[in-house]
PDB file of N, CA and C in Angstrom:
ATOM      1  N   UNK A   1      45.315 186.912 132.025  1.00  0.00           N
ATOM      2  CA  UNK A   1      46.656 186.782 131.523  1.00  0.00           C
ATOM      3  C   UNK A   1      47.639 186.611 132.680  1.00  0.00           C
ATOM      4  N   UNK A   2      47.515 187.456 133.711  1.00  0.00           N
ATOM      5  CA  UNK A   2      48.429 187.374 134.838  1.00  0.00           C
ATOM      6  C   UNK A   2      48.188 186.091 135.642  1.00  0.00           C
ATOM      7  N   UNK A   3      46.943 185.656 135.740  1.00  0.00           N
ATOM      8  CA  UNK A   3      46.648 184.419 136.464  1.00  0.00           C
ATOM      9  C   UNK A   3      47.306 183.221 135.782  1.00  0.00           C
ATOM     10  N   UNK A   4      47.349 183.230 134.473  1.00  0.00           N
ATOM     11  CA  UNK A   4      47.983 182.138 133.740  1.00  0.00           C
ATOM     12  C   UNK A   4      49.490 182.114 133.999  1.00  0.00           C
ATOM     13  N   UNK A   5      50.097 183.280 134.077  1.00  0.00           N
ATOM     14  CA  UNK A   5      51.527 183.365 134.354  1.00  0.00           C
ATOM     15  C   UNK A   5      51.836 182.873 135.764  1.00  0.00           C
ATOM     16  N   UNK A   6      51.024 183.276 136.716  1.00  0.00           N
ATOM     17  CA  UNK A   6      51.221 182.833 138.100  1.00  0.00           C
ATOM     18  C   UNK A   6      51.021 181.329 138.207  1.00  0.00           C
ATOM     19  N   UNK A   7      50.020 180.812 137.534  1.00  0.00           N
ATOM     20  CA  UNK A   7      49.772 179.363 137.549  1.00  0.00           C
ATOM     21  C   UNK A   7      50.952 178.598 136.954  1.00  0.00           C
ATOM     22  N   UNK A   8      51.504 179.100 135.871  1.00  0.00           N
ATOM     23  CA  UNK A   8      52.655 178.441 135.246  1.00  0.00           C
ATOM     24  C   UNK A   8      53.858 178.456 136.185  1.00  0.00           C
ATOM     25  N   UNK A   9      54.068 179.556 136.889  1.00  0.00           N
ATOM     26  CA  UNK A   9      55.192 179.635 137.827  1.00  0.00           C
ATOM     27  C   UNK A   9      55.019 178.649 138.977  1.00  0.00           C
ATOM     28  N   UNK A  10      53.803 178.500 139.476  1.00  0.00           N
ATOM     29  CA  UNK A  10      53.537 177.554 140.564  1.00  0.00           C
ATOM     30  C   UNK A  10      53.760 176.123 140.096  1.00  0.00           C
ATOM     31  N   UNK A  11      53.280 175.797 138.922  1.00  0.00           N
ATOM     32  CA  UNK A  11      53.450 174.443 138.383  1.00  0.00           C
ATOM     33  C   UNK A  11      54.926 174.128 138.180  1.00  0.00           C
ATOM     34  N   UNK A  12      55.670 175.080 137.656  1.00  0.00           N
ATOM     35  CA  UNK A  12      57.104 174.863 137.455  1.00  0.00           C
ATOM     36  C   UNK A  12      57.833 174.688 138.779  1.00  0.00           C
ATOM     37  N   UNK A  13      57.474 175.471 139.779  1.00  0.00           N
ATOM     38  CA  UNK A  13      58.161 175.337 141.066  1.00  0.00           C
ATOM     39  C   UNK A  13      57.814 174.016 141.741  1.00  0.00           C
ATOM     40  N   UNK A  14      56.597 173.534 141.579  1.00  0.00           N
ATOM     41  CA  UNK A  14      56.239 172.228 142.125  1.00  0.00           C
ATOM     42  C   UNK A  14      56.977 171.111 141.403  1.00  0.00           C
ATOM     43  N   UNK A  15      57.190 171.290 140.121  1.00  0.00           N
ATOM     44  CA  UNK A  15      57.925 170.292 139.349  1.00  0.00           C
ATOM     45  C   UNK A  15      59.371 170.171 139.781  1.00  0.00           C
ATOM     46  N   UNK A  16      59.948 171.262 140.245  1.00  0.00           N
ATOM     47  CA  UNK A  16      61.341 171.220 140.695  1.00  0.00           C
ATOM     48  C   UNK A  16      61.511 170.417 141.981  1.00  0.00           C
ATOM     49  N   UNK A  17      60.438 170.251 142.738  1.00  0.00           N
ATOM     50  CA  UNK A  17      60.545 169.499 143.987  1.00  0.00           C
ATOM     51  C   UNK A  17      60.770 168.012 143.734  1.00  0.00           C
ATOM     52  N   UNK A  18      60.563 167.560 142.527  1.00  0.00           N
ATOM     53  CA  UNK A  18      60.742 166.142 142.196  1.00  0.00           C
ATOM     54  C   UNK A  18      62.127 165.849 141.626  1.00  0.00           C
ATOM     55  N   UNK A  19      63.062 166.727 141.807  1.00  0.00           N
ATOM     56  CA  UNK A  19      64.396 166.579 141.219  1.00  0.00           C
ATOM     57  C   UNK A  19      65.291 165.592 141.956  1.00  0.00           C
ATOM     58  N   UNK A  20      64.899 165.118 143.117  1.00  0.00           N
ATOM     59  CA  UNK A  20      65.806 164.309 143.926  1.00  0.00           C
ATOM     60  C   UNK A  20      66.194 162.995 143.253  1.00  0.00           C
ATOM     61  N   UNK A  21      65.337 162.397 142.453  1.00  0.00           N
ATOM     62  CA  UNK A  21      65.642 161.130 141.807  1.00  0.00           C
ATOM     63  C   UNK A  21      66.195 161.270 140.398  1.00  0.00           C
ATOM     64  N   UNK A  22      66.511 162.482 140.006  1.00  0.00           N
ATOM     65  CA  UNK A  22      66.972 162.728 138.641  1.00  0.00           C
ATOM     66  C   UNK A  22      68.497 162.718 138.575  1.00  0.00           C
ATOM     67  N   UNK A  23      68.995 162.464 137.380  1.00  0.00           N
ATOM     68  CA  UNK A  23      70.436 162.553 137.163  1.00  0.00           C
ATOM     69  C   UNK A  23      70.842 164.027 137.161  1.00  0.00           C
ATOM     70  N   UNK A  24      72.133 164.263 137.250  1.00  0.00           N
ATOM     71  CA  UNK A  24      72.638 165.638 137.225  1.00  0.00           C
ATOM     72  C   UNK A  24      72.265 166.327 135.917  1.00  0.00           C
ATOM     73  N   UNK A  25      72.356 165.601 134.817  1.00  0.00           N
ATOM     74  CA  UNK A  25      72.010 166.183 133.521  1.00  0.00           C
ATOM     75  C   UNK A  25      70.535 166.578 133.486  1.00  0.00           C
ATOM     76  N   UNK A  26      69.671 165.708 133.955  1.00  0.00           N
ATOM     77  CA  UNK A  26      68.238 166.013 133.965  1.00  0.00           C
ATOM     78  C   UNK A  26      67.929 167.211 134.859  1.00  0.00           C
ATOM     79  N   UNK A  27      68.603 167.297 135.996  1.00  0.00           N
ATOM     80  CA  UNK A  27      68.391 168.427 136.899  1.00  0.00           C
ATOM     81  C   UNK A  27      68.822 169.739 136.252  1.00  0.00           C
ATOM     82  N   UNK A  28      69.940 169.723 135.557  1.00  0.00           N
ATOM     83  CA  UNK A  28      70.421 170.951 134.913  1.00  0.00           C
ATOM     84  C   UNK A  28      69.508 171.389 133.781  1.00  0.00           C
ATOM     85  N   UNK A  29      69.011 170.433 133.006  1.00  0.00           N
ATOM     86  CA  UNK A  29      68.099 170.774 131.912  1.00  0.00           C
ATOM     87  C   UNK A  29      66.796 171.334 132.460  1.00  0.00           C
ATOM     88  N   UNK A  30      66.245 170.691 133.484  1.00  0.00           N
ATOM     89  CA  UNK A  30      64.990 171.150 134.072  1.00  0.00           C
ATOM     90  C   UNK A  30      65.157 172.508 134.738  1.00  0.00           C
ATOM     91  N   UNK A  31      66.238 172.685 135.464  1.00  0.00           N
ATOM     92  CA  UNK A  31      66.479 173.971 136.124  1.00  0.00           C
ATOM     93  C   UNK A  31      66.652 175.085 135.093  1.00  0.00           C
ATOM     94  N   UNK A  32      67.417 174.816 134.049  1.00  0.00           N
ATOM     95  CA  UNK A  32      67.590 175.810 132.992  1.00  0.00           C
ATOM     96  C   UNK A  32      66.272 176.165 132.330  1.00  0.00           C
ATOM     97  N   UNK A  33      65.443 175.152 132.085  1.00  0.00           N
ATOM     98  CA  UNK A  33      64.136 175.401 131.480  1.00  0.00           C
ATOM     99  C   UNK A  33      63.233 176.223 132.380  1.00  0.00           C
ATOM    100  N   UNK A  34      63.252 175.934 133.675  1.00  0.00           N
ATOM    101  CA  UNK A  34      62.406 176.676 134.619  1.00  0.00           C
ATOM    102  C   UNK A  34      62.864 178.125 134.752  1.00  0.00           C
ATOM    103  N   UNK A  35      64.163 178.314 134.856  1.00  0.00           N
ATOM    104  CA  UNK A  35      64.687 179.683 134.951  1.00  0.00           C
ATOM    105  C   UNK A  35      64.393 180.455 133.668  1.00  0.00           C
ATOM    106  N   UNK A  36      64.576 179.790 132.528  1.00  0.00           N
ATOM    107  CA  UNK A  36      64.289 180.434 131.249  1.00  0.00           C
ATOM    108  C   UNK A  36      62.814 180.768 131.082  1.00  0.00           C
ATOM    109  N   UNK A  37      61.942 179.869 131.544  1.00  0.00           N
ATOM    110  CA  UNK A  37      60.503 180.117 131.430  1.00  0.00           C
ATOM    111  C   UNK A  37      60.083 181.294 132.307  1.00  0.00           C
ATOM    112  N   UNK A  38      60.611 181.328 133.513  1.00  0.00           N
ATOM    113  CA  UNK A  38      60.281 182.450 134.395  1.00  0.00           C
ATOM    114  C   UNK A  38      60.787 183.773 133.849  1.00  0.00           C
ATOM    115  N   UNK A  39      62.017 183.771 133.388  1.00  0.00           N
ATOM    116  CA  UNK A  39      62.600 184.992 132.822  1.00  0.00           C
ATOM    117  C   UNK A  39      61.867 185.415 131.558  1.00  0.00           C
ATOM    118  N   UNK A  40      61.536 184.443 130.731  1.00  0.00           N
ATOM    119  CA  UNK A  40      60.820 184.761 129.489  1.00  0.00           C
ATOM    120  C   UNK A  40      59.436 185.326 129.744  1.00  0.00           C
ATOM    121  N   UNK A  41      58.753 184.804 130.770  1.00  0.00           N
ATOM    122  CA  UNK A  41      57.423 185.316 131.111  1.00  0.00           C
ATOM    123  C   UNK A  41      57.511 186.759 131.598  1.00  0.00           C
ATOM    124  N   UNK A  42      58.503 187.033 132.433  1.00  0.00           N
ATOM    125  CA  UNK A  42      58.674 188.397 132.937  1.00  0.00           C
ATOM    126  C   UNK A  42      59.043 189.345 131.803  1.00  0.00           C
ATOM    127  N   UNK A  43      60.008 188.951 130.994  1.00  0.00           N
ATOM    128  CA  UNK A  43      60.419 189.821 129.887  1.00  0.00           C
ATOM    129  C   UNK A  43      59.304 190.010 128.867  1.00  0.00           C
ATOM    130  N   UNK A  44      58.548 188.941 128.616  1.00  0.00           N
ATOM    131  CA  UNK A  44      57.431 189.066 127.686  1.00  0.00           C
ATOM    132  C   UNK A  44      56.375 190.035 128.189  1.00  0.00           C
ATOM    133  N   UNK A  45      56.104 189.985 129.501  1.00  0.00           N
ATOM    134  CA  UNK A  45      55.126 190.897 130.081  1.00  0.00           C
ATOM    135  C   UNK A  45      55.620 192.332 130.117  1.00  0.00           C
ATOM    136  N   UNK A  46      56.873 192.532 130.474  1.00  0.00           N
ATOM    137  CA  UNK A  46      57.441 193.874 130.561  1.00  0.00           C
ATOM    138  C   UNK A  46      57.545 194.510 129.177  1.00  0.00           C
ATOM    139  N   UNK A  47      57.869 193.711 128.185  1.00  0.00           N
ATOM    140  CA  UNK A  47      58.029 194.239 126.826  1.00  0.00           C
ATOM    141  C   UNK A  47      56.690 194.496 126.146  1.00  0.00           C
ATOM    142  N   UNK A  48      55.597 194.158 126.819  1.00  0.00           N
ATOM    143  CA  UNK A  48      54.287 194.405 126.239  1.00  0.00           C
ATOM    144  C   UNK A  48      53.777 193.267 125.377  1.00  0.00           C
ATOM    145  N   UNK A  49      54.504 192.148 125.378  1.00  0.00           N
ATOM    146  CA  UNK A  49      54.077 190.987 124.602  1.00  0.00           C
ATOM    147  C   UNK A  49      53.272 190.025 125.456  1.00  0.00           C
ATOM    148  N   UNK A  50      53.185 188.816 125.021  1.00  0.00           N
ATOM    149  CA  UNK A  50      52.442 187.783 125.722  1.00  0.00           C
ATOM    150  C   UNK A  50      53.385 187.037 126.665  1.00  0.00           C
ATOM    151  N   UNK A  51      53.131 187.067 127.976  1.00  0.00           N
ATOM    152  CA  UNK A  51      54.001 186.356 128.920  1.00  0.00           C
ATOM    153  C   UNK A  51      54.068 184.850 128.666  1.00  0.00           C
ATOM    154  N   UNK A  52      52.972 184.260 128.195  1.00  0.00           N
ATOM    155  CA  UNK A  52      52.956 182.830 127.921  1.00  0.00           C
ATOM    156  C   UNK A  52      53.923 182.480 126.798  1.00  0.00           C
ATOM    157  N   UNK A  53      53.908 183.261 125.743  1.00  0.00           N
ATOM    158  CA  UNK A  53      54.829 183.034 124.633  1.00  0.00           C
ATOM    159  C   UNK A  53      56.281 183.232 125.083  1.00  0.00           C
ATOM    160  N   UNK A  54      56.504 184.253 125.895  1.00  0.00           N
ATOM    161  CA  UNK A  54      57.837 184.467 126.442  1.00  0.00           C
ATOM    162  C   UNK A  54      58.294 183.300 127.295  1.00  0.00           C
ATOM    163  N   UNK A  55      57.367 182.718 128.080  1.00  0.00           N
ATOM    164  CA  UNK A  55      57.708 181.572 128.920  1.00  0.00           C
ATOM    165  C   UNK A  55      58.059 180.353 128.083  1.00  0.00           C
ATOM    166  N   UNK A  56      57.332 180.124 127.017  1.00  0.00           N
ATOM    167  CA  UNK A  56      57.603 178.972 126.155  1.00  0.00           C
ATOM    168  C   UNK A  56      58.970 179.112 125.480  1.00  0.00           C
ATOM    169  N   UNK A  57      59.217 180.276 124.928  1.00  0.00           N
ATOM    170  CA  UNK A  57      60.495 180.497 124.250  1.00  0.00           C
ATOM    171  C   UNK A  57      61.641 180.472 125.258  1.00  0.00           C
ATOM    172  N   UNK A  58      61.469 181.142 126.389  1.00  0.00           N
ATOM    173  CA  UNK A  58      62.500 181.161 127.414  1.00  0.00           C
ATOM    174  C   UNK A  58      62.768 179.782 127.987  1.00  0.00           C
ATOM    175  N   UNK A  59      61.707 178.993 128.163  1.00  0.00           N
ATOM    176  CA  UNK A  59      61.878 177.633 128.669  1.00  0.00           C
ATOM    177  C   UNK A  59      62.673 176.763 127.716  1.00  0.00           C
ATOM    178  N   UNK A  60      62.378 176.886 126.444  1.00  0.00           N
ATOM    179  CA  UNK A  60      63.116 176.101 125.447  1.00  0.00           C
ATOM    180  C   UNK A  60      64.584 176.518 125.395  1.00  0.00           C
ATOM    181  N   UNK A  61      64.834 177.806 125.414  1.00  0.00           N
ATOM    182  CA  UNK A  61      66.220 178.286 125.392  1.00  0.00           C
ATOM    183  C   UNK A  61      66.956 177.908 126.676  1.00  0.00           C
ATOM    184  N   UNK A  62      66.261 178.004 127.806  1.00  0.00           N
ATOM    185  CA  UNK A  62      66.875 177.648 129.079  1.00  0.00           C
ATOM    186  C   UNK A  62      67.201 176.171 129.178  1.00  0.00           C
ATOM    187  N   UNK A  63      66.318 175.320 128.677  1.00  0.00           N
ATOM    188  CA  UNK A  63      66.589 173.881 128.684  1.00  0.00           C
ATOM    189  C   UNK A  63      67.793 173.564 127.803  1.00  0.00           C
ATOM    190  N   UNK A  64      67.860 174.205 126.661  1.00  0.00           N
ATOM    191  CA  UNK A  64      69.025 174.017 125.786  1.00  0.00           C
ATOM    192  C   UNK A  64      70.311 174.498 126.441  1.00  0.00           C
ATOM    193  N   UNK A  65      70.231 175.622 127.139  1.00  0.00           N
ATOM    194  CA  UNK A  65      71.408 176.136 127.837  1.00  0.00           C
ATOM    195  C   UNK A  65      71.821 175.202 128.970  1.00  0.00           C
ATOM    196  N   UNK A  66      70.836 174.632 129.675  1.00  0.00           N
ATOM    197  CA  UNK A  66      71.153 173.674 130.731  1.00  0.00           C
ATOM    198  C   UNK A  66      71.833 172.436 130.187  1.00  0.00           C
ATOM    199  N   UNK A  67      71.402 171.987 129.033  1.00  0.00           N
ATOM    200  CA  UNK A  67      72.026 170.831 128.390  1.00  0.00           C
ATOM    201  C   UNK A  67      73.465 171.145 127.987  1.00  0.00           C
ATOM    202  N   UNK A  68      73.667 172.302 127.374  1.00  0.00           N
ATOM    203  CA  UNK A  68      75.016 172.691 126.966  1.00  0.00           C
ATOM    204  C   UNK A  68      75.932 172.890 128.173  1.00  0.00           C
ATOM    205  N   UNK A  69      75.381 173.434 129.248  1.00  0.00           N
ATOM    206  CA  UNK A  69      76.166 173.598 130.465  1.00  0.00           C
ATOM    207  C   UNK A  69      76.587 172.238 131.016  1.00  0.00           C
ATOM    208  N   UNK A  70      75.669 171.284 130.980  1.00  0.00           N
ATOM    209  CA  UNK A  70      76.002 169.941 131.462  1.00  0.00           C
ATOM    210  C   UNK A  70      77.095 169.310 130.618  1.00  0.00           C
ATOM    211  N   UNK A  71      77.014 169.468 129.311  1.00  0.00           N
ATOM    212  CA  UNK A  71      78.063 168.931 128.438  1.00  0.00           C
ATOM    213  C   UNK A  71      79.420 169.545 128.763  1.00  0.00           C
ATOM    214  N   UNK A  72      79.419 170.842 129.022  1.00  0.00           N
ATOM    215  CA  UNK A  72      80.663 171.541 129.340  1.00  0.00           C
ATOM    216  C   UNK A  72      81.219 171.065 130.689  1.00  0.00           C
ATOM    217  N   UNK A  73      80.376 170.829 131.670  1.00  0.00           N
ATOM    218  CA  UNK A  73      80.819 170.397 132.982  1.00  0.00           C
ATOM    219  C   UNK A  73      81.367 168.963 132.960  1.00  0.00           C
ATOM    220  N   UNK A  74      80.913 168.171 132.030  1.00  0.00           N
ATOM    221  CA  UNK A  74      81.380 166.785 131.944  1.00  0.00           C
ATOM    222  C   UNK A  74      82.769 166.684 131.339  1.00  0.00           C
ATOM    223  N   UNK A  75      83.232 167.707 130.626  1.00  0.00           N
ATOM    224  CA  UNK A  75      84.558 167.676 129.998  1.00  0.00           C
ATOM    225  C   UNK A  75      85.648 167.910 130.978  1.00  0.00           C
TER     226      UNK A  75
END
């Protein structure tokens, strides 16, 4: 279980290294998703649940928050 969480964190951090060719909106969505996935995995593990499920839910919420933040910054 912990190995899967560590693997997911490594994959997400490697994915962030490819942000240089992305638009600002894409960078904000990806960053929000990565932060949300990491936070969700930690909270899921601490709360006694499944870290993978926490990462999926947190990633989705974080990506949505990154999108909304981008919309707000464009105004």
